[in-house]
Amino acid sequence: MPVENYSLDLILFLRAPAKTPNQTIYTRAVQHQNQLTKPPGSLGRLEDLATQLASLQETDSPKIENILIRIFAADHGVVEEGVSAFPQAVTAEMIKNFSAGGAAITVLAKALNADFGVINLGTVSPLPELAKVIDKRIDAGTKNFCKSAAMTDEQLEAALLAGRNVVLESKAKTVPDLFIGGEMGIGNTTSASALACAILKQPISKLVGKGTGVDDSGIKRKINAVERALALHNSAVASPLTSLQALGGFEIVGLVGATLACAQEGIPVLVDGFISSVAALIAVEINPSIRPWLFFSHCSAEVGHAAVLKYLNANALLNLDMRLGEASGAAIAAPLLKMACDLHNNMATFDQAGVSH
């Protein structure tokens, strides 16, 4: 991983190991599951969720009560290649919708009683002050990566550290039981597809999908854009960090930074759909020690998502044909983690219930 162009602060952050899960508590949690009034394994993956969370939270009574949701938003220069069914203005308009509480994720965050906020890392135009929106705007979106690198070294560093700081600042107030990161940025499925191609080395056609709902001509434009970008940046995609600089979006980079920071700080992460999973993929490539801290909420309808999950050896909790993004799939799956903990903590053991086993 080339680091000569980055600050010592960033280098130390990227290299810092994730917190180690507590194996003693994990073993105890598995033993506890086997004493509950049910056939061992009969609750399936809910049992695994509870025991994993116990080891990560270092407690015999894992819980999912305090959920932190942050949406990272930014625009993409590659939109000028005609890769989206929506105009670029939608990014800023959706940020306003998030602020007003009218988006899917804001409805879900309210239902979860979650701490919700939006981080603007790079809309084309500045936004007015908005409730629940933090302005960390780095630039007026990324450059068109079909023509040049999406961002500079300095911009990459700024976005990574912005993601990290979101986690550190939130933890300083209240330690979350779970972090959910989301994204908003017209054109970002094209960026995510390009990044997935750079890491997975699979055919472009298997990793480029409909995104916002483009037609067949739109998919051809997306494939063409990714082909040109990979050819232009061939030498740059040798490492996850340089791939991010060449092909990423500010919001994707912010998600990478937040994911790394959560694992280092001992906060489990529930990963959303395709774009968030690509950010998780890059984060794991940068620092493999973070992998145990990642749970994967759902397999989206976006064509490349299954390939990313397979590469990460990730078994998603749900498959609802969702492809909205903005952390919506993860928010839908969060109650499964909570119920897994409730079952683990509150079911009677065979001895307590006087049930033979």
Protein backbone atom coordinates (compact mmCIF):
# COMPACT_ATOMS: atom_id res chain seq x y z
CA MET A 1 0.00 0.00 0.00
CA PRO A 2 1.72 3.21 -1.12
CA VAL A 3 1.71 5.72 1.71
CA GLU A 4 4.37 8.26 0.85
CA ASN A 5 1.81 10.85 -0.23
CA TYR A 6 -0.24 10.72 2.97
CA SER A 7 0.06 12.14 6.45
CA LEU A 8 1.32 10.12 9.40
CA ASP A 9 -2.14 10.47 10.95
CA LEU A 10 -3.74 8.70 7.99
CA ILE A 11 -1.05 6.02 7.76
CA LEU A 12 -1.41 5.14 11.43
CA PHE A 13 -5.20 5.09 11.11
CA LEU A 14 -5.21 2.74 8.12
CA ARG A 15 -2.73 0.36 9.74
CA ALA A 16 -4.23 0.27 13.24
CA PRO A 17 -5.56 -3.23 13.99
CA ALA A 18 -9.19 -3.85 14.74
CA LYS A 19 -10.16 -4.67 18.29
CA THR A 20 -9.89 -8.42 18.91
CA PRO A 21 -13.17 -10.28 19.54
CA ASN A 22 -13.31 -11.94 22.97
CA GLN A 23 -12.99 -15.68 22.38
CA THR A 24 -13.71 -16.58 26.02
CA ILE A 25 -17.04 -14.78 25.94
CA TYR A 26 -17.82 -16.31 22.54
CA THR A 27 -17.29 -19.82 23.90
CA ARG A 28 -19.46 -19.01 26.90
CA ALA A 29 -22.18 -17.61 24.64
CA VAL A 30 -22.24 -20.77 22.54
CA GLN A 31 -22.54 -22.86 25.69
CA HIS A 32 -25.39 -20.64 26.89
CA GLN A 33 -27.23 -21.06 23.57
CA ASN A 34 -27.03 -24.82 23.98
CA GLN A 35 -28.69 -24.60 27.41
CA LEU A 36 -31.73 -22.61 26.22
CA THR A 37 -35.14 -24.26 25.91
CA LYS A 38 -34.85 -25.26 22.27
CA PRO A 39 -33.04 -27.90 20.25
CA PRO A 40 -29.43 -26.71 19.73
CA GLY A 41 -29.15 -24.81 16.46
CA SER A 42 -32.91 -24.55 15.97
CA LEU A 43 -32.80 -20.75 15.83
CA GLY A 44 -30.30 -21.00 13.01
CA ARG A 45 -28.33 -17.88 12.20
CA LEU A 46 -29.98 -15.94 15.01
CA GLU A 47 -27.87 -18.00 17.39
CA ASP A 48 -24.70 -17.12 15.45
CA LEU A 49 -25.60 -13.42 15.47
CA ALA A 50 -26.03 -13.42 19.24
CA THR A 51 -22.81 -15.28 19.98
CA GLN A 52 -20.80 -13.13 17.58
CA LEU A 53 -22.22 -9.93 19.05
CA ALA A 54 -21.46 -11.17 22.56
CA SER A 55 -17.81 -11.66 21.63
CA LEU A 56 -17.58 -8.29 19.87
CA GLN A 57 -19.33 -6.35 22.65
CA GLU A 58 -17.43 -8.34 25.29
CA THR A 59 -20.52 -9.10 27.34
CA ASP A 60 -22.65 -12.08 28.24
CA SER A 61 -25.70 -9.93 27.48
CA PRO A 62 -25.26 -8.45 23.99
CA LYS A 63 -27.69 -5.75 22.96
CA ILE A 64 -28.76 -3.65 20.00
CA GLU A 65 -30.36 -0.55 21.44
CA ASN A 66 -28.21 2.43 20.49
CA ILE A 67 -27.96 2.42 16.67
CA LEU A 68 -25.90 5.04 14.86
CA ILE A 69 -26.87 5.71 11.23
CA ARG A 70 -24.83 8.06 9.06
CA ILE A 71 -25.43 8.73 5.36
CA PHE A 72 -22.44 9.99 3.38
CA ALA A 73 -23.35 12.06 0.33
CA ALA A 74 -21.41 13.39 -2.65
CA ASP A 75 -21.62 13.92 -6.41
CA HIS A 76 -19.71 12.14 -9.17
CA GLY A 77 -18.07 13.62 -12.25
CA VAL A 78 -18.73 10.43 -14.23
CA VAL A 79 -22.41 11.44 -14.41
CA GLU A 80 -21.52 13.45 -17.54
CA GLU A 81 -21.11 10.09 -19.32
CA GLY A 82 -24.88 9.49 -19.09
CA VAL A 83 -24.67 6.69 -16.51
CA SER A 84 -27.70 7.62 -14.40
CA ALA A 85 -31.45 7.72 -14.95
CA PHE A 86 -31.63 10.77 -12.66
CA PRO A 87 -30.04 14.21 -12.97
CA GLN A 88 -27.17 15.12 -10.68
CA ALA A 89 -29.32 17.68 -8.87
CA VAL A 90 -31.08 14.77 -7.16
CA THR A 91 -28.14 14.27 -4.76
CA ALA A 92 -28.67 17.67 -3.15
CA GLU A 93 -32.44 17.34 -3.34
CA MET A 94 -32.31 14.01 -1.52
CA ILE A 95 -30.10 15.48 1.19
CA LYS A 96 -32.86 18.03 1.78
CA ASN A 97 -35.37 15.17 1.84
CA PHE A 98 -33.26 13.34 4.44
CA SER A 99 -33.21 16.49 6.54
CA ALA A 100 -36.98 16.86 6.28
CA GLY A 101 -37.58 13.22 7.24
CA GLY A 102 -39.21 12.20 3.96
CA ALA A 103 -36.79 9.52 2.74
CA ALA A 104 -37.06 5.77 3.27
CA ILE A 105 -34.06 5.70 5.59
CA THR A 106 -35.38 8.52 7.75
CA VAL A 107 -38.66 6.66 8.23
CA LEU A 108 -36.73 3.51 9.15
CA ALA A 109 -34.32 5.38 11.43
CA LYS A 110 -37.26 6.84 13.32
CA ALA A 111 -38.78 3.37 13.70
CA LEU A 112 -35.46 2.14 15.10
CA ASN A 113 -35.11 5.19 17.36
CA ALA A 114 -31.66 5.54 15.81
CA ASP A 115 -29.23 8.45 15.92
CA PHE A 116 -29.48 9.66 12.31
CA GLY A 117 -27.39 12.16 10.41
CA VAL A 118 -26.07 13.04 6.95
CA ILE A 119 -22.49 13.99 6.08
CA ASN A 120 -22.19 16.09 2.92
CA LEU A 121 -18.74 15.36 1.54
CA GLY A 122 -19.15 16.85 -1.89
CA THR A 123 -22.34 18.02 -3.56
CA VAL A 124 -21.80 19.99 -6.77
CA SER A 125 -23.25 23.09 -5.16
CA PRO A 126 -23.04 24.17 -1.51
CA LEU A 127 -26.17 23.53 0.54
CA PRO A 128 -27.82 25.82 3.07
CA GLU A 129 -27.67 24.85 6.72
CA LEU A 130 -29.98 21.88 7.22
CA ALA A 131 -31.12 19.94 10.26
CA LYS A 132 -29.26 16.63 10.74
CA VAL A 133 -26.83 17.50 7.92
CA ILE A 134 -23.15 18.13 8.66
CA ASP A 135 -21.25 20.04 6.01
CA LYS A 136 -17.83 18.47 5.35
CA ARG A 137 -17.81 19.36 1.66
CA ILE A 138 -14.42 18.57 0.12
CA ASP A 139 -15.11 19.73 -3.43
CA ALA A 140 -17.91 20.11 -5.97
CA GLY A 141 -18.02 16.36 -6.52
CA THR A 142 -15.31 14.14 -7.93
CA LYS A 143 -13.75 14.48 -11.38
CA ASN A 144 -14.92 12.32 -14.27
CA PHE A 145 -12.77 9.23 -13.79
CA CYS A 146 -13.01 8.44 -17.51
CA LYS A 147 -10.72 11.44 -18.03
CA SER A 148 -8.62 11.73 -14.87
CA ALA A 149 -8.36 10.40 -11.34
CA ALA A 150 -11.59 10.94 -9.43
CA MET A 151 -9.78 12.78 -6.64
CA THR A 152 -6.38 13.99 -5.45
CA ASP A 153 -4.30 12.48 -2.67
CA GLU A 154 -5.38 15.31 -0.40
CA GLN A 155 -9.06 14.77 -1.16
CA LEU A 156 -8.79 11.03 -0.58
CA GLU A 157 -7.20 11.65 2.80
CA ALA A 158 -9.82 14.25 3.73
CA ALA A 159 -12.68 11.85 2.94
CA LEU A 160 -11.12 8.92 4.81
CA LEU A 161 -10.49 11.01 7.91
CA ALA A 162 -13.97 12.53 7.69
CA GLY A 163 -15.41 9.02 7.88
CA ARG A 164 -13.18 8.16 10.81
CA ASN A 165 -14.05 11.36 12.66
CA VAL A 166 -17.79 10.74 12.33
CA VAL A 167 -17.31 7.56 14.35
CA LEU A 168 -14.93 9.06 16.91
CA GLU A 169 -17.12 12.12 17.50
CA SER A 170 -20.24 9.99 17.92
CA LYS A 171 -18.51 7.54 20.25
CA ALA A 172 -17.29 10.41 22.44
CA LYS A 173 -20.95 11.21 23.17
CA THR A 174 -22.48 7.73 23.33
CA VAL A 175 -20.93 4.39 22.40
CA PRO A 176 -23.14 2.83 19.69
CA ASP A 177 -24.15 -0.81 19.88
CA LEU A 178 -24.24 -0.87 16.08
CA PHE A 179 -23.17 1.35 13.19
CA ILE A 180 -25.05 1.52 9.89
CA GLY A 181 -23.50 3.54 7.07
CA GLY A 182 -25.35 4.62 3.97
CA GLU A 183 -24.65 6.60 0.82
CA MET A 184 -26.29 9.06 -1.53
CA GLY A 185 -24.73 10.20 -4.77
CA ILE A 186 -26.07 10.10 -8.31
CA GLY A 187 -23.58 8.05 -10.34
CA ASN A 188 -22.21 6.09 -7.43
CA THR A 189 -23.18 2.62 -8.66
CA THR A 190 -20.87 3.25 -11.62
CA SER A 191 -18.07 4.17 -9.23
CA ALA A 192 -18.77 1.14 -7.03
CA SER A 193 -18.85 -1.15 -10.07
CA ALA A 194 -15.48 0.17 -11.24
CA LEU A 195 -14.00 -0.40 -7.78
CA ALA A 196 -15.43 -3.91 -7.64
CA CYS A 197 -13.91 -4.69 -11.04
CA ALA A 198 -10.53 -3.41 -9.86
CA ILE A 199 -10.55 -5.69 -6.80
CA LEU A 200 -12.44 -8.77 -7.99
CA LYS A 201 -10.89 -8.90 -11.49
CA GLN A 202 -14.18 -10.15 -12.91
CA PRO A 203 -15.81 -9.23 -16.25
CA ILE A 204 -17.28 -5.74 -16.21
CA SER A 205 -20.65 -6.97 -17.50
CA LYS A 206 -21.06 -9.09 -14.34
CA LEU A 207 -20.55 -6.13 -12.01
CA VAL A 208 -22.41 -3.29 -13.74
CA GLY A 209 -26.16 -3.12 -13.13
CA LYS A 210 -29.16 -0.84 -13.45
CA GLY A 211 -28.35 1.42 -10.51
CA THR A 212 -31.02 4.11 -10.48
CA GLY A 213 -32.94 2.19 -13.13
CA VAL A 214 -31.18 2.91 -16.42
CA ASP A 215 -32.35 1.13 -19.57
CA ASP A 216 -30.23 -1.14 -21.79
CA SER A 217 -28.61 1.86 -23.45
CA GLY A 218 -27.78 3.27 -20.04
CA ILE A 219 -26.16 0.00 -18.98
CA LYS A 220 -24.04 0.06 -22.14
CA ARG A 221 -22.91 3.59 -21.27
CA LYS A 222 -22.04 2.47 -17.73
CA ILE A 223 -20.05 -0.51 -19.03
CA ASN A 224 -18.26 1.74 -21.52
CA ALA A 225 -17.42 4.26 -18.79
CA VAL A 226 -16.01 1.55 -16.51
CA GLU A 227 -14.01 0.02 -19.37
CA ARG A 228 -12.45 3.38 -20.22
CA ALA A 229 -11.73 4.14 -16.57
CA LEU A 230 -10.02 0.81 -15.93
CA ALA A 231 -7.92 1.20 -19.07
CA LEU A 232 -6.95 4.76 -18.14
CA HIS A 233 -6.06 3.91 -14.55
CA ASN A 234 -4.62 0.46 -15.15
CA SER A 235 -1.49 1.05 -13.07
CA ALA A 236 -3.41 2.88 -10.33
CA VAL A 237 -5.71 -0.02 -9.47
CA ALA A 238 -2.83 -2.11 -8.10
CA SER A 239 -3.81 -1.27 -4.50
CA PRO A 240 -7.13 -0.57 -2.76
CA LEU A 241 -6.02 2.91 -1.75
CA THR A 242 -4.98 4.01 -5.23
CA SER A 243 -8.10 2.38 -6.67
CA LEU A 244 -10.19 4.55 -4.34
CA GLN A 245 -8.40 7.68 -5.49
CA ALA A 246 -8.75 6.84 -9.17
CA LEU A 247 -12.30 5.46 -9.22
CA GLY A 248 -14.05 6.28 -5.96
CA GLY A 249 -16.51 8.86 -4.73
CA PHE A 250 -16.12 11.00 -1.64
CA GLU A 251 -19.08 9.26 0.00
CA ILE A 252 -17.67 5.80 -0.72
CA VAL A 253 -14.32 6.84 0.72
CA GLY A 254 -16.09 8.25 3.77
CA LEU A 255 -17.80 4.90 4.28
CA VAL A 256 -14.42 3.15 4.07
CA GLY A 257 -13.04 5.43 6.78
CA ALA A 258 -16.07 4.93 9.02
CA THR A 259 -15.96 1.15 8.61
CA LEU A 260 -12.28 0.98 9.56
CA ALA A 261 -12.81 3.24 12.56
CA CYS A 262 -15.74 1.22 13.87
CA ALA A 263 -13.73 -2.00 13.91
CA GLN A 264 -10.80 -0.27 15.58
CA GLU A 265 -13.10 1.23 18.21
CA GLY A 266 -15.01 -1.97 18.88
CA ILE A 267 -18.31 -1.06 17.19
CA PRO A 268 -20.08 -3.73 15.08
CA VAL A 269 -21.06 -2.65 11.57
CA LEU A 270 -24.19 -3.72 9.69
CA VAL A 271 -23.34 -3.24 6.02
CA ASP A 272 -26.03 -2.10 3.56
CA GLY A 273 -26.26 -2.92 -0.15
CA PHE A 274 -23.97 -2.94 -3.18
CA ILE A 275 -22.23 0.40 -2.73
CA SER A 276 -21.77 0.01 1.02
CA SER A 277 -20.52 -3.55 0.47
CA VAL A 278 -17.93 -2.27 -2.03
CA ALA A 279 -16.80 0.23 0.61
CA ALA A 280 -16.55 -2.67 3.08
CA LEU A 281 -14.61 -4.65 0.48
CA ILE A 282 -12.08 -1.84 0.09
CA ALA A 283 -11.83 -1.43 3.86
CA VAL A 284 -11.09 -5.14 4.32
CA GLU A 285 -8.51 -5.03 1.52
CA ILE A 286 -6.79 -2.13 3.28
CA ASN A 287 -6.97 -3.72 6.74
CA PRO A 288 -8.07 -7.39 6.86
CA SER A 289 -8.28 -7.39 10.67
CA ILE A 290 -11.63 -5.57 10.52
CA ARG A 291 -13.54 -8.43 8.86
CA PRO A 292 -15.02 -9.99 12.07
CA TRP A 293 -16.78 -6.70 12.84
CA LEU A 294 -18.86 -6.71 9.67
CA PHE A 295 -22.37 -8.12 9.36
CA PHE A 296 -24.06 -8.02 5.94
CA SER A 297 -27.70 -7.08 5.93
CA HIS A 298 -29.05 -8.10 2.53
CA CYS A 299 -28.20 -9.11 -1.01
CA SER A 300 -29.55 -6.39 -3.25
CA ALA A 301 -30.96 -6.67 -6.76
CA GLU A 302 -27.91 -4.82 -8.11
CA VAL A 303 -26.15 -7.35 -10.33
CA GLY A 304 -22.67 -7.11 -8.81
CA HIS A 305 -23.64 -7.39 -5.16
CA ALA A 306 -23.67 -11.19 -4.95
CA ALA A 307 -20.14 -11.33 -6.37
CA VAL A 308 -18.87 -8.86 -3.76
CA LEU A 309 -20.53 -10.81 -0.94
CA LYS A 310 -19.05 -14.08 -2.22
CA TYR A 311 -15.55 -12.57 -2.35
CA LEU A 312 -15.95 -11.44 1.26
CA ASN A 313 -17.33 -14.85 2.29
CA ALA A 314 -20.38 -12.97 3.53
CA ASN A 315 -23.79 -14.55 4.02
CA ALA A 316 -26.38 -11.77 3.85
CA LEU A 317 -29.30 -11.90 6.27
CA LEU A 318 -32.04 -10.96 3.79
CA ASN A 319 -32.83 -11.01 0.09
CA LEU A 320 -35.72 -8.68 -0.63
CA ASP A 321 -34.78 -7.50 -4.15
CA MET A 322 -34.03 -4.06 -2.74
CA ARG A 323 -31.69 -1.66 -4.57
CA LEU A 324 -32.44 1.70 -2.99
CA GLY A 325 -29.24 2.18 -1.04
CA GLU A 326 -29.15 4.97 1.57
CA ALA A 327 -28.76 2.30 4.31
CA SER A 328 -32.36 1.15 3.88
CA GLY A 329 -31.60 -2.57 3.64
CA ALA A 330 -29.40 -2.47 6.73
CA ALA A 331 -32.08 -0.62 8.68
CA ILE A 332 -34.61 -3.29 7.69
CA ALA A 333 -32.25 -6.02 8.94
CA ALA A 334 -31.26 -4.33 12.21
CA PRO A 335 -34.25 -5.72 14.18
CA LEU A 336 -32.99 -9.24 13.42
CA LEU A 337 -29.82 -8.48 15.37
CA LYS A 338 -31.86 -7.01 18.21
CA MET A 339 -34.18 -10.04 18.35
CA ALA A 340 -31.19 -12.39 18.29
CA CYS A 341 -29.84 -10.61 21.38
CA ASP A 342 -33.25 -10.60 23.11
CA LEU A 343 -33.61 -14.34 22.58
CA HIS A 344 -30.10 -14.97 23.87
CA ASN A 345 -30.64 -12.87 26.98
CA ASN A 346 -34.22 -13.67 27.92
CA MET A 347 -35.04 -17.28 27.03
CA ALA A 348 -35.06 -19.68 29.96
CA THR A 349 -32.50 -22.44 30.25
CA PHE A 350 -33.62 -26.05 30.58
CA ASP A 351 -32.76 -25.99 34.28
CA GLN A 352 -34.61 -22.71 34.92
CA ALA A 353 -37.73 -23.95 33.14
CA GLY A 354 -37.57 -27.47 34.55
CA VAL A 355 -37.56 -28.90 31.02
CA SER A 356 -35.87 -32.24 30.41
CA HIS A 357 -33.10 -32.36 27.86
